Amino acid sequence: MTTEHPWLTTEMLPPEEAALRHKRLREELARRIPEASGLFVFSRLNIYYLTGTMANGLFWLPLDGEPVLLVRKSLERARLESPLRHIAPYMSYANVPDILANAGSPPGAIVAAEMMSLPWAMGLHFTQRIPSVRIVPGDAAIAWCRSIKSPWELEKMRLCGARHARVLEEELPRRIRPGMTEREMALIAWELILAAGHSGAMRMAAYGEEAVLGHFSVGENGNYPTHYNGPIGAIGSHPSQTALGYAGTVWKPSQLLCVDLGFNLEGYNSDATRTFWSGRPGSAPDAVRRAHDACIELYLRLAPMLKPGTLPEDIWNESVAYMKAAGQSEGFMGLHGNKVPFVGHGIGLHVDEQPVAAARFVQPLEQGMVMAVEPKIGLPGLGMVGVENILEITPGGGKSLSGERLELRHIDA
């Protein structure tokens, strides 16, 4: 005789929340890909977004009919965590059409698929196993759907940002001091954010990108050449791990320290940057103060623009024009090869989401979006200055979720 184990789950996605996401995604699919009969989703994070579980499998959302989650592992856990009615096992992509038909939601002749999450070999394998179905790209629909956060998601992001702000603005400045290495300060940050409830992982959407804590960049290390798509330079701990901080760099008196720190709570991310100077108040040189003040002033100009109807391209154009007038174009958003052509990005389950405050991004902002706004300036021979917060898009403009202290913080030995 066997009995079922009384497993519990830490959280189940509310059924009404799942239904809202499915409805919005169907609307995006109908608008962008009207010929598609539905969408196949493969990545763990998008499966989580649509089902509430990080199952190893695939998810089918038909335009009409019941959604179906197909699971390789673990079926038992998926049923604990997800409110979906149709959760079934499968062994091969070749079985998928029959399983979906039996669930009453067969795919049509044309279906959309989340393509960016699949390696080339897996994509080919999938199309070979269901040759009667033509696959079209569906990534844009799910990316834009996810960019608009529900009230349920916004509550998580507000809590995440508040804890992040407490660590970055209050606790970390009390613990770091000149004389410490980048790595020592990064380990202190790890201790603080984990104690504050950080989930222990952050995720990036862009292929090959990784997110590990963030960057601690002392002095000219803030301009160190990097591979990732961001303006802050960082040596990192090793060529194989370019985040965290370098144990060989000591924060000496009269040096900049740029801290770009992430936080994750229950899957949702916050991203924030603060700049420090090692020395008594007022001791930072004019070039540092002018550049940092320009970043603050630009941030304060952009925040009121973050409301429904604003074009992301206009945020970028305003930034470029302001920094040119301020005489800070050379280092704006990075020096030389580190320069990036954006000043902000969406954020949520991934650190890097839609929309992007950059040229040619012309789909208007909508209420419920959350964006990281990060004006930064690289200074030759000195390092990186700048600020960053995540802001909720509201009719009254951007509302910071990750703190308000933007000033250059002086920390003396």
Protein backbone atom coordinates (compact mmCIF):
# COMPACT_ATOMS: atom_id res chain seq x y z
CA MET A 1 0.00 0.00 0.00
CA THR A 2 1.33 3.44 -0.89
CA THR A 3 0.30 6.88 0.23
CA GLU A 4 0.91 10.22 -1.40
CA HIS A 5 3.53 12.40 0.26
CA PRO A 6 1.99 15.61 1.67
CA TRP A 7 4.36 17.92 -0.19
CA LEU A 8 3.81 21.65 0.22
CA THR A 9 4.72 24.54 -2.08
CA THR A 10 6.13 27.90 -1.05
CA GLU A 11 3.78 29.71 -3.44
CA MET A 12 1.22 28.95 -6.10
CA LEU A 13 0.56 31.43 -8.89
CA PRO A 14 -3.01 32.67 -8.33
CA PRO A 15 -5.32 31.24 -11.02
CA GLU A 16 -6.63 34.71 -11.84
CA GLU A 17 -3.05 35.96 -12.31
CA ALA A 18 -2.29 33.11 -14.72
CA ALA A 19 -5.52 33.83 -16.61
CA LEU A 20 -4.61 37.53 -16.90
CA ARG A 21 -1.20 36.72 -18.37
CA HIS A 22 -2.68 34.25 -20.85
CA LYS A 23 -5.27 36.80 -21.94
CA ARG A 24 -2.68 39.55 -22.49
CA LEU A 25 -0.35 37.21 -24.38
CA ARG A 26 -3.16 36.02 -26.63
CA GLU A 27 -3.97 39.66 -27.41
CA GLU A 28 -0.32 40.33 -28.32
CA LEU A 29 -0.21 37.21 -30.51
CA ALA A 30 -3.42 38.18 -32.31
CA ARG A 31 -2.06 41.68 -32.91
CA ARG A 32 1.46 40.72 -33.99
CA ILE A 33 1.04 37.24 -35.53
CA PRO A 34 -2.64 36.86 -36.52
CA GLU A 35 -1.92 33.78 -38.63
CA ALA A 36 -0.57 31.78 -35.67
CA SER A 37 -2.87 29.34 -33.85
CA GLY A 38 -0.95 29.70 -30.60
CA LEU A 39 2.50 29.89 -29.01
CA PHE A 40 5.02 27.27 -27.88
CA VAL A 41 7.21 28.34 -24.94
CA PHE A 42 10.42 26.51 -24.04
CA SER A 43 12.51 28.57 -21.59
CA ARG A 44 12.20 27.79 -17.90
CA LEU A 45 11.59 31.43 -16.95
CA ASN A 46 8.84 32.04 -19.49
CA ILE A 47 7.26 28.73 -18.53
CA TYR A 48 7.35 29.98 -14.94
CA TYR A 49 5.79 33.30 -15.95
CA LEU A 50 2.88 31.55 -17.68
CA THR A 51 2.38 28.57 -15.38
CA GLY A 52 3.94 29.32 -11.96
CA THR A 53 6.47 26.47 -12.12
CA MET A 54 10.03 26.23 -13.50
CA ALA A 55 9.28 22.91 -15.17
CA ASN A 56 11.61 21.16 -17.58
CA GLY A 57 9.29 20.92 -20.56
CA LEU A 58 7.26 23.13 -22.86
CA PHE A 59 4.08 25.17 -22.64
CA TRP A 60 1.37 25.54 -25.29
CA LEU A 61 -0.90 28.56 -25.29
CA PRO A 62 -3.56 28.29 -28.01
CA LEU A 63 -5.43 31.35 -29.19
CA ASP A 64 -8.58 29.37 -28.43
CA GLY A 65 -8.78 26.51 -25.99
CA GLU A 66 -7.10 25.37 -22.78
CA PRO A 67 -3.38 25.99 -22.21
CA VAL A 68 -1.29 22.85 -21.71
CA LEU A 69 1.97 22.35 -19.81
CA LEU A 70 4.03 19.35 -20.96
CA VAL A 71 6.63 18.19 -18.46
CA ARG A 72 9.71 16.00 -18.63
CA LYS A 73 10.63 16.61 -14.98
CA SER A 74 9.11 16.92 -12.46
CA LEU A 75 5.44 16.29 -13.13
CA GLU A 76 4.73 16.01 -9.40
CA ARG A 77 6.31 19.37 -8.61
CA ALA A 78 4.60 21.09 -11.54
CA ARG A 79 1.22 19.97 -10.24
CA LEU A 80 2.08 21.29 -6.78
CA GLU A 81 3.08 24.74 -8.02
CA SER A 82 0.92 25.48 -11.05
CA PRO A 83 -2.83 26.26 -11.15
CA LEU A 84 -3.16 24.92 -14.72
CA ARG A 85 -5.74 22.19 -15.30
CA HIS A 86 -3.85 20.46 -18.11
CA ILE A 87 -0.38 19.28 -17.01
CA ALA A 88 0.85 16.14 -18.74
CA PRO A 89 4.09 14.15 -19.15
CA TYR A 90 5.85 13.73 -22.49
CA MET A 91 8.99 12.01 -23.70
CA SER A 92 9.48 13.27 -27.27
CA TYR A 93 8.56 16.31 -29.34
CA ALA A 94 6.97 13.86 -31.75
CA ASN A 95 4.32 13.13 -29.09
CA VAL A 96 3.34 16.76 -28.68
CA PRO A 97 0.62 17.12 -31.37
CA ASP A 98 -1.25 14.01 -30.13
CA ILE A 99 -1.04 15.06 -26.47
CA LEU A 100 -2.37 18.52 -27.28
CA ALA A 101 -5.15 17.09 -29.43
CA ASN A 102 -6.19 14.78 -26.58
CA ALA A 103 -6.32 17.83 -24.29
CA GLY A 104 -8.64 19.56 -26.74
CA SER A 105 -6.06 22.16 -27.84
CA PRO A 106 -4.41 20.90 -31.06
CA PRO A 107 -1.92 23.17 -32.83
CA GLY A 108 -2.94 24.57 -36.21
CA ALA A 109 -0.94 24.61 -39.42
CA ILE A 110 0.99 27.74 -38.29
CA VAL A 111 2.21 28.25 -34.73
CA ALA A 112 4.43 30.84 -33.06
CA ALA A 113 7.39 29.72 -30.96
CA GLU A 114 9.74 31.25 -28.45
CA MET A 115 12.90 30.89 -30.56
CA MET A 116 15.54 32.85 -28.64
CA SER A 117 15.56 30.33 -25.80
CA LEU A 118 16.36 27.26 -27.93
CA PRO A 119 19.84 26.28 -29.14
CA TRP A 120 19.99 25.81 -32.90
CA ALA A 121 20.18 22.02 -32.56
CA MET A 122 17.11 21.87 -30.32
CA GLY A 123 15.14 24.13 -32.63
CA LEU A 124 15.91 21.94 -35.61
CA HIS A 125 15.02 18.87 -33.59
CA PHE A 126 11.64 20.36 -32.66
CA THR A 127 10.73 21.32 -36.24
CA GLN A 128 11.79 17.90 -37.54
CA ARG A 129 9.52 16.13 -35.06
CA ILE A 130 6.40 18.11 -36.04
CA PRO A 131 6.88 18.59 -39.81
CA SER A 132 3.20 19.30 -40.47
CA VAL A 133 3.39 22.57 -38.52
CA ARG A 134 5.03 25.78 -39.78
CA ILE A 135 6.86 27.71 -37.04
CA VAL A 136 7.05 31.51 -36.92
CA PRO A 137 8.85 33.73 -34.34
CA GLY A 138 6.82 34.62 -31.25
CA ASP A 139 9.46 36.18 -28.98
CA ALA A 140 8.32 39.79 -29.44
CA ALA A 141 4.80 38.98 -28.27
CA ILE A 142 5.88 37.40 -25.01
CA ALA A 143 8.56 40.05 -24.37
CA TRP A 144 6.08 42.90 -24.66
CA CYS A 145 3.45 41.01 -22.65
CA ARG A 146 5.96 40.54 -19.83
CA SER A 147 7.02 44.19 -19.94
CA ILE A 148 3.67 45.25 -18.42
CA LYS A 149 3.56 44.12 -14.82
CA SER A 150 0.32 43.16 -13.10
CA PRO A 151 -0.53 44.55 -9.64
CA TRP A 152 0.58 41.17 -8.24
CA GLU A 153 4.00 41.54 -9.88
CA LEU A 154 4.35 45.21 -8.93
CA GLU A 155 3.90 44.37 -5.26
CA LYS A 156 6.82 41.96 -5.49
CA MET A 157 8.98 44.50 -7.30
CA ARG A 158 8.20 47.25 -4.78
CA LEU A 159 9.23 45.00 -1.93
CA CYS A 160 12.35 43.92 -3.83
CA GLY A 161 13.34 47.53 -4.51
CA ALA A 162 12.75 48.62 -0.92
CA ARG A 163 15.03 45.91 0.45
CA HIS A 164 17.59 46.70 -2.22
CA ALA A 165 17.57 50.39 -1.27
CA ARG A 166 18.06 49.61 2.40
CA VAL A 167 21.18 47.58 1.66
CA LEU A 168 22.69 49.93 -0.90
CA GLU A 169 21.89 53.25 0.76
CA GLU A 170 22.07 52.42 4.47
CA GLU A 171 23.81 49.15 5.32
CA LEU A 172 26.59 48.92 2.73
CA PRO A 173 28.00 52.46 3.29
CA ARG A 174 28.37 51.65 7.01
CA ARG A 175 30.44 48.53 6.25
CA ILE A 176 32.84 49.47 3.46
CA ARG A 177 35.99 51.53 3.97
CA PRO A 178 39.05 52.68 2.02
CA GLY A 179 41.73 50.03 2.38
CA MET A 180 39.39 47.20 1.41
CA THR A 181 39.70 45.35 -1.89
CA GLU A 182 36.92 45.20 -4.45
CA ARG A 183 36.38 41.55 -3.56
CA GLU A 184 36.18 42.22 0.17
CA MET A 185 33.48 44.81 -0.43
CA ALA A 186 31.62 42.48 -2.79
CA LEU A 187 31.59 39.75 -0.14
CA ILE A 188 30.13 42.23 2.36
CA ALA A 189 27.43 43.07 -0.18
CA TRP A 190 26.68 39.35 -0.66
CA GLU A 191 26.28 38.95 3.09
CA LEU A 192 23.95 41.93 3.33
CA ILE A 193 21.70 41.15 0.38
CA LEU A 194 21.31 37.48 1.30
CA ALA A 195 20.41 38.50 4.85
CA ALA A 196 17.82 40.89 3.37
CA GLY A 197 16.13 38.04 1.47
CA HIS A 198 17.91 38.00 -1.90
CA SER A 199 16.90 34.81 -3.70
CA GLY A 200 20.49 33.99 -4.63
CA ALA A 201 20.14 34.21 -8.42
CA MET A 202 19.49 36.82 -11.09
CA ARG A 203 18.71 36.14 -14.72
CA MET A 204 19.43 37.82 -18.05
CA ALA A 205 17.42 37.47 -21.25
CA ALA A 206 20.17 38.30 -23.76
CA TYR A 207 21.94 35.24 -25.13
CA GLY A 208 25.14 34.43 -23.23
CA GLU A 209 24.72 37.20 -20.63
CA GLU A 210 24.96 36.38 -16.92
CA ALA A 211 24.09 38.30 -13.78
CA VAL A 212 26.08 37.65 -10.58
CA LEU A 213 25.57 40.22 -7.82
CA GLY A 214 26.89 43.17 -9.85
CA HIS A 215 30.12 45.14 -10.08
CA PHE A 216 32.47 46.78 -7.59
CA SER A 217 34.77 49.01 -9.64
CA VAL A 218 37.47 51.10 -7.96
CA GLY A 219 39.04 54.03 -9.80
CA GLU A 220 40.07 53.38 -13.38
CA ASN A 221 38.68 49.83 -13.13
CA GLY A 222 35.36 51.54 -13.84
CA ASN A 223 36.61 51.98 -17.42
CA TYR A 224 38.13 48.49 -17.76
CA PRO A 225 37.17 46.84 -21.10
CA THR A 226 34.23 44.49 -20.73
CA HIS A 227 32.28 42.01 -22.86
CA TYR A 228 28.82 42.56 -21.38
CA ASN A 229 26.32 45.08 -22.73
CA GLY A 230 26.70 47.80 -20.11
CA PRO A 231 28.76 50.95 -19.51
CA ILE A 232 30.55 50.11 -16.24
CA GLY A 233 33.99 48.58 -16.56
CA ALA A 234 35.04 45.82 -14.18
CA ILE A 235 37.98 43.45 -13.99
CA GLY A 236 35.90 40.97 -12.01
CA SER A 237 37.33 38.05 -10.11
CA HIS A 238 38.77 36.20 -13.15
CA PRO A 239 38.44 36.14 -16.97
CA SER A 240 35.91 33.34 -16.49
CA GLN A 241 33.85 35.46 -14.05
CA THR A 242 33.91 39.16 -14.81
CA ALA A 243 31.46 40.26 -12.11
CA LEU A 244 31.93 40.75 -8.35
CA GLY A 245 35.28 42.44 -7.69
CA TYR A 246 39.03 41.98 -8.11
CA ALA A 247 40.98 40.88 -5.03
CA GLY A 248 44.06 42.70 -6.33
CA THR A 249 42.50 46.19 -6.36
CA VAL A 250 42.45 48.16 -3.09
CA TRP A 251 40.16 51.18 -2.65
CA LYS A 252 42.74 53.81 -1.82
CA PRO A 253 42.19 57.36 -0.50
CA SER A 254 40.96 59.88 -3.08
CA GLN A 255 39.46 57.29 -5.43
CA LEU A 256 36.08 56.62 -6.97
CA LEU A 257 34.10 53.49 -6.22
CA CYS A 258 31.17 52.67 -8.50
CA VAL A 259 28.82 49.99 -7.15
CA ASP A 260 26.26 48.46 -9.54
CA LEU A 261 24.35 46.04 -7.33
CA GLY A 262 21.45 43.75 -8.13
CA PHE A 263 18.75 42.27 -5.93
CA ASN A 264 16.25 39.48 -6.55
CA LEU A 265 13.19 38.64 -4.51
CA GLU A 266 10.80 35.80 -5.41
CA GLY A 267 12.06 35.85 -8.99
CA TYR A 268 11.82 39.62 -9.59
CA ASN A 269 14.87 41.85 -9.96
CA SER A 270 15.99 45.29 -8.92
CA ASP A 271 19.03 47.06 -10.39
CA ALA A 272 20.68 50.12 -8.82
CA THR A 273 23.97 52.01 -8.89
CA ARG A 274 25.57 54.37 -6.36
CA THR A 275 28.92 56.18 -6.49
CA PHE A 276 31.33 56.73 -3.59
CA TRP A 277 34.48 58.80 -3.04
CA SER A 278 37.16 57.81 -0.51
CA GLY A 279 37.81 60.98 1.45
CA ARG A 280 36.23 63.64 3.58
CA PRO A 281 33.06 65.41 2.38
CA GLY A 282 33.76 67.88 -0.41
CA SER A 283 37.17 66.42 -1.25
CA ALA A 284 36.23 64.95 -4.64
CA PRO A 285 37.78 66.86 -7.58
CA ASP A 286 35.67 69.19 -9.72
CA ALA A 287 35.65 66.80 -12.71
CA VAL A 288 34.10 64.07 -10.58
CA ARG A 289 31.53 66.36 -8.99
CA ARG A 290 30.48 67.94 -12.29
CA ALA A 291 30.06 64.58 -14.01
CA HIS A 292 28.15 63.03 -11.13
CA ASP A 293 25.92 66.08 -10.81
CA ALA A 294 25.17 65.81 -14.54
CA CYS A 295 24.05 62.19 -14.04
CA ILE A 296 21.76 63.20 -11.18
CA GLU A 297 20.30 66.12 -13.14
CA LEU A 298 19.63 63.91 -16.15
CA TYR A 299 18.02 61.25 -13.97
CA LEU A 300 15.73 63.91 -12.45
CA ARG A 301 14.84 65.15 -15.95
CA LEU A 302 14.03 61.66 -17.19
CA ALA A 303 11.93 60.49 -14.25
CA PRO A 304 8.92 62.73 -15.11
CA MET A 305 9.04 61.42 -18.71
CA LEU A 306 8.41 57.85 -17.55
CA LYS A 307 4.66 57.89 -18.02
CA PRO A 308 2.23 56.20 -20.40
CA GLY A 309 2.55 57.45 -23.96
CA THR A 310 6.22 58.47 -23.85
CA LEU A 311 8.37 56.98 -26.60
CA PRO A 312 11.53 55.25 -25.31
CA GLU A 313 13.41 56.89 -28.19
CA ASP A 314 12.51 60.33 -26.79
CA ILE A 315 14.10 59.40 -23.44
CA TRP A 316 17.33 58.55 -25.25
CA ASN A 317 17.26 61.70 -27.40
CA GLU A 318 16.71 63.88 -24.32
CA SER A 319 19.68 62.18 -22.64
CA VAL A 320 22.03 62.69 -25.58
CA ALA A 321 21.04 66.35 -25.94
CA TYR A 322 21.43 67.07 -22.22
CA MET A 323 24.85 65.44 -21.94
CA LYS A 324 26.05 67.30 -25.04
CA ALA A 325 24.97 70.63 -23.52
CA ALA A 326 26.67 69.65 -20.25
CA GLY A 327 29.94 68.87 -22.05
CA GLN A 328 29.84 65.22 -20.98
CA SER A 329 29.25 63.43 -24.31
CA GLU A 330 32.64 61.72 -24.44
CA GLY A 331 32.11 59.50 -21.43
CA PHE A 332 28.32 59.31 -21.41
CA MET A 333 27.26 55.67 -21.04
CA GLY A 334 30.84 54.46 -21.09
CA LEU A 335 34.23 55.29 -22.55
CA HIS A 336 35.50 54.00 -25.89
CA GLY A 337 34.55 50.34 -26.40
CA ASN A 338 32.42 50.28 -23.23
CA LYS A 339 29.99 52.89 -24.58
CA VAL A 340 26.43 51.60 -24.98
CA PRO A 341 23.58 53.25 -26.97
CA PHE A 342 20.89 53.23 -24.25
CA VAL A 343 20.16 54.94 -20.95
CA GLY A 344 17.57 52.57 -19.53
CA HIS A 345 15.89 49.19 -19.89
CA GLY A 346 12.87 47.28 -18.72
CA ILE A 347 13.29 44.94 -15.77
CA GLY A 348 11.29 42.17 -14.12
CA LEU A 349 11.95 38.43 -14.04
CA HIS A 350 14.95 39.26 -16.26
CA VAL A 351 17.30 42.14 -15.54
CA ASP A 352 17.22 43.11 -19.22
CA GLU A 353 13.67 43.36 -20.53
CA GLN A 354 11.64 45.51 -22.89
CA PRO A 355 11.36 48.41 -23.43
CA VAL A 356 14.82 49.94 -24.00
CA ALA A 357 15.45 53.69 -23.83
CA ALA A 358 17.36 53.83 -27.10
CA ALA A 359 17.06 55.08 -30.66
CA ARG A 360 14.33 53.49 -32.83
CA PHE A 361 12.34 52.15 -29.87
CA VAL A 362 9.03 53.81 -30.65
CA GLN A 363 6.33 51.69 -29.00
CA PRO A 364 4.95 53.95 -26.24
CA LEU A 365 5.45 53.23 -22.57
CA GLU A 366 2.46 51.79 -20.72
CA GLN A 367 1.34 51.93 -17.12
CA GLY A 368 2.66 48.99 -15.14
CA MET A 369 6.04 48.86 -16.83
CA VAL A 370 9.17 49.10 -14.69
CA MET A 371 12.39 50.55 -16.10
CA ALA A 372 15.94 50.83 -14.82
CA VAL A 373 17.25 54.32 -15.63
CA GLU A 374 21.03 54.50 -15.42
CA PRO A 375 22.83 57.67 -16.58
CA LYS A 376 26.56 57.08 -16.15
CA ILE A 377 29.76 58.83 -17.23
CA GLY A 378 33.23 57.35 -17.64
CA LEU A 379 36.05 59.71 -16.68
CA PRO A 380 39.51 59.00 -18.17
CA GLY A 381 42.01 58.23 -15.42
CA LEU A 382 39.36 58.47 -12.68
CA GLY A 383 36.72 55.82 -13.27
CA MET A 384 32.95 55.72 -13.50
CA VAL A 385 30.29 57.90 -11.89
CA GLY A 386 26.54 57.62 -12.14
CA VAL A 387 23.25 56.59 -10.64
CA GLU A 388 20.62 53.96 -11.35
CA ASN A 389 17.20 53.10 -9.99
CA ILE A 390 14.25 51.04 -11.10
CA LEU A 391 11.16 53.19 -11.65
CA GLU A 392 7.52 52.25 -12.02
CA ILE A 393 5.75 53.90 -14.97
CA THR A 394 2.77 55.87 -13.66
CA PRO A 395 0.56 58.68 -15.05
CA GLY A 396 2.50 61.12 -12.86
CA GLY A 397 5.92 59.97 -14.08
CA GLY A 398 8.48 57.45 -12.90
CA LYS A 399 8.27 56.40 -9.24
CA SER A 400 11.52 55.06 -7.83
CA LEU A 401 11.27 51.63 -6.23
CA SER A 402 14.94 51.32 -5.26
CA GLY A 403 15.75 54.41 -3.21
CA GLU A 404 16.24 58.16 -3.42
CA ARG A 405 19.80 58.89 -2.25
CA LEU A 406 21.58 59.86 -5.44
CA GLU A 407 24.37 62.09 -4.12
CA LEU A 408 28.06 61.26 -4.33
CA ARG A 409 28.73 59.56 -0.97
CA HIS A 410 32.03 60.40 0.76
CA ILE A 411 33.53 57.69 2.96
CA ASP A 412 36.67 58.56 4.91
CA ALA A 413 39.10 56.10 6.38
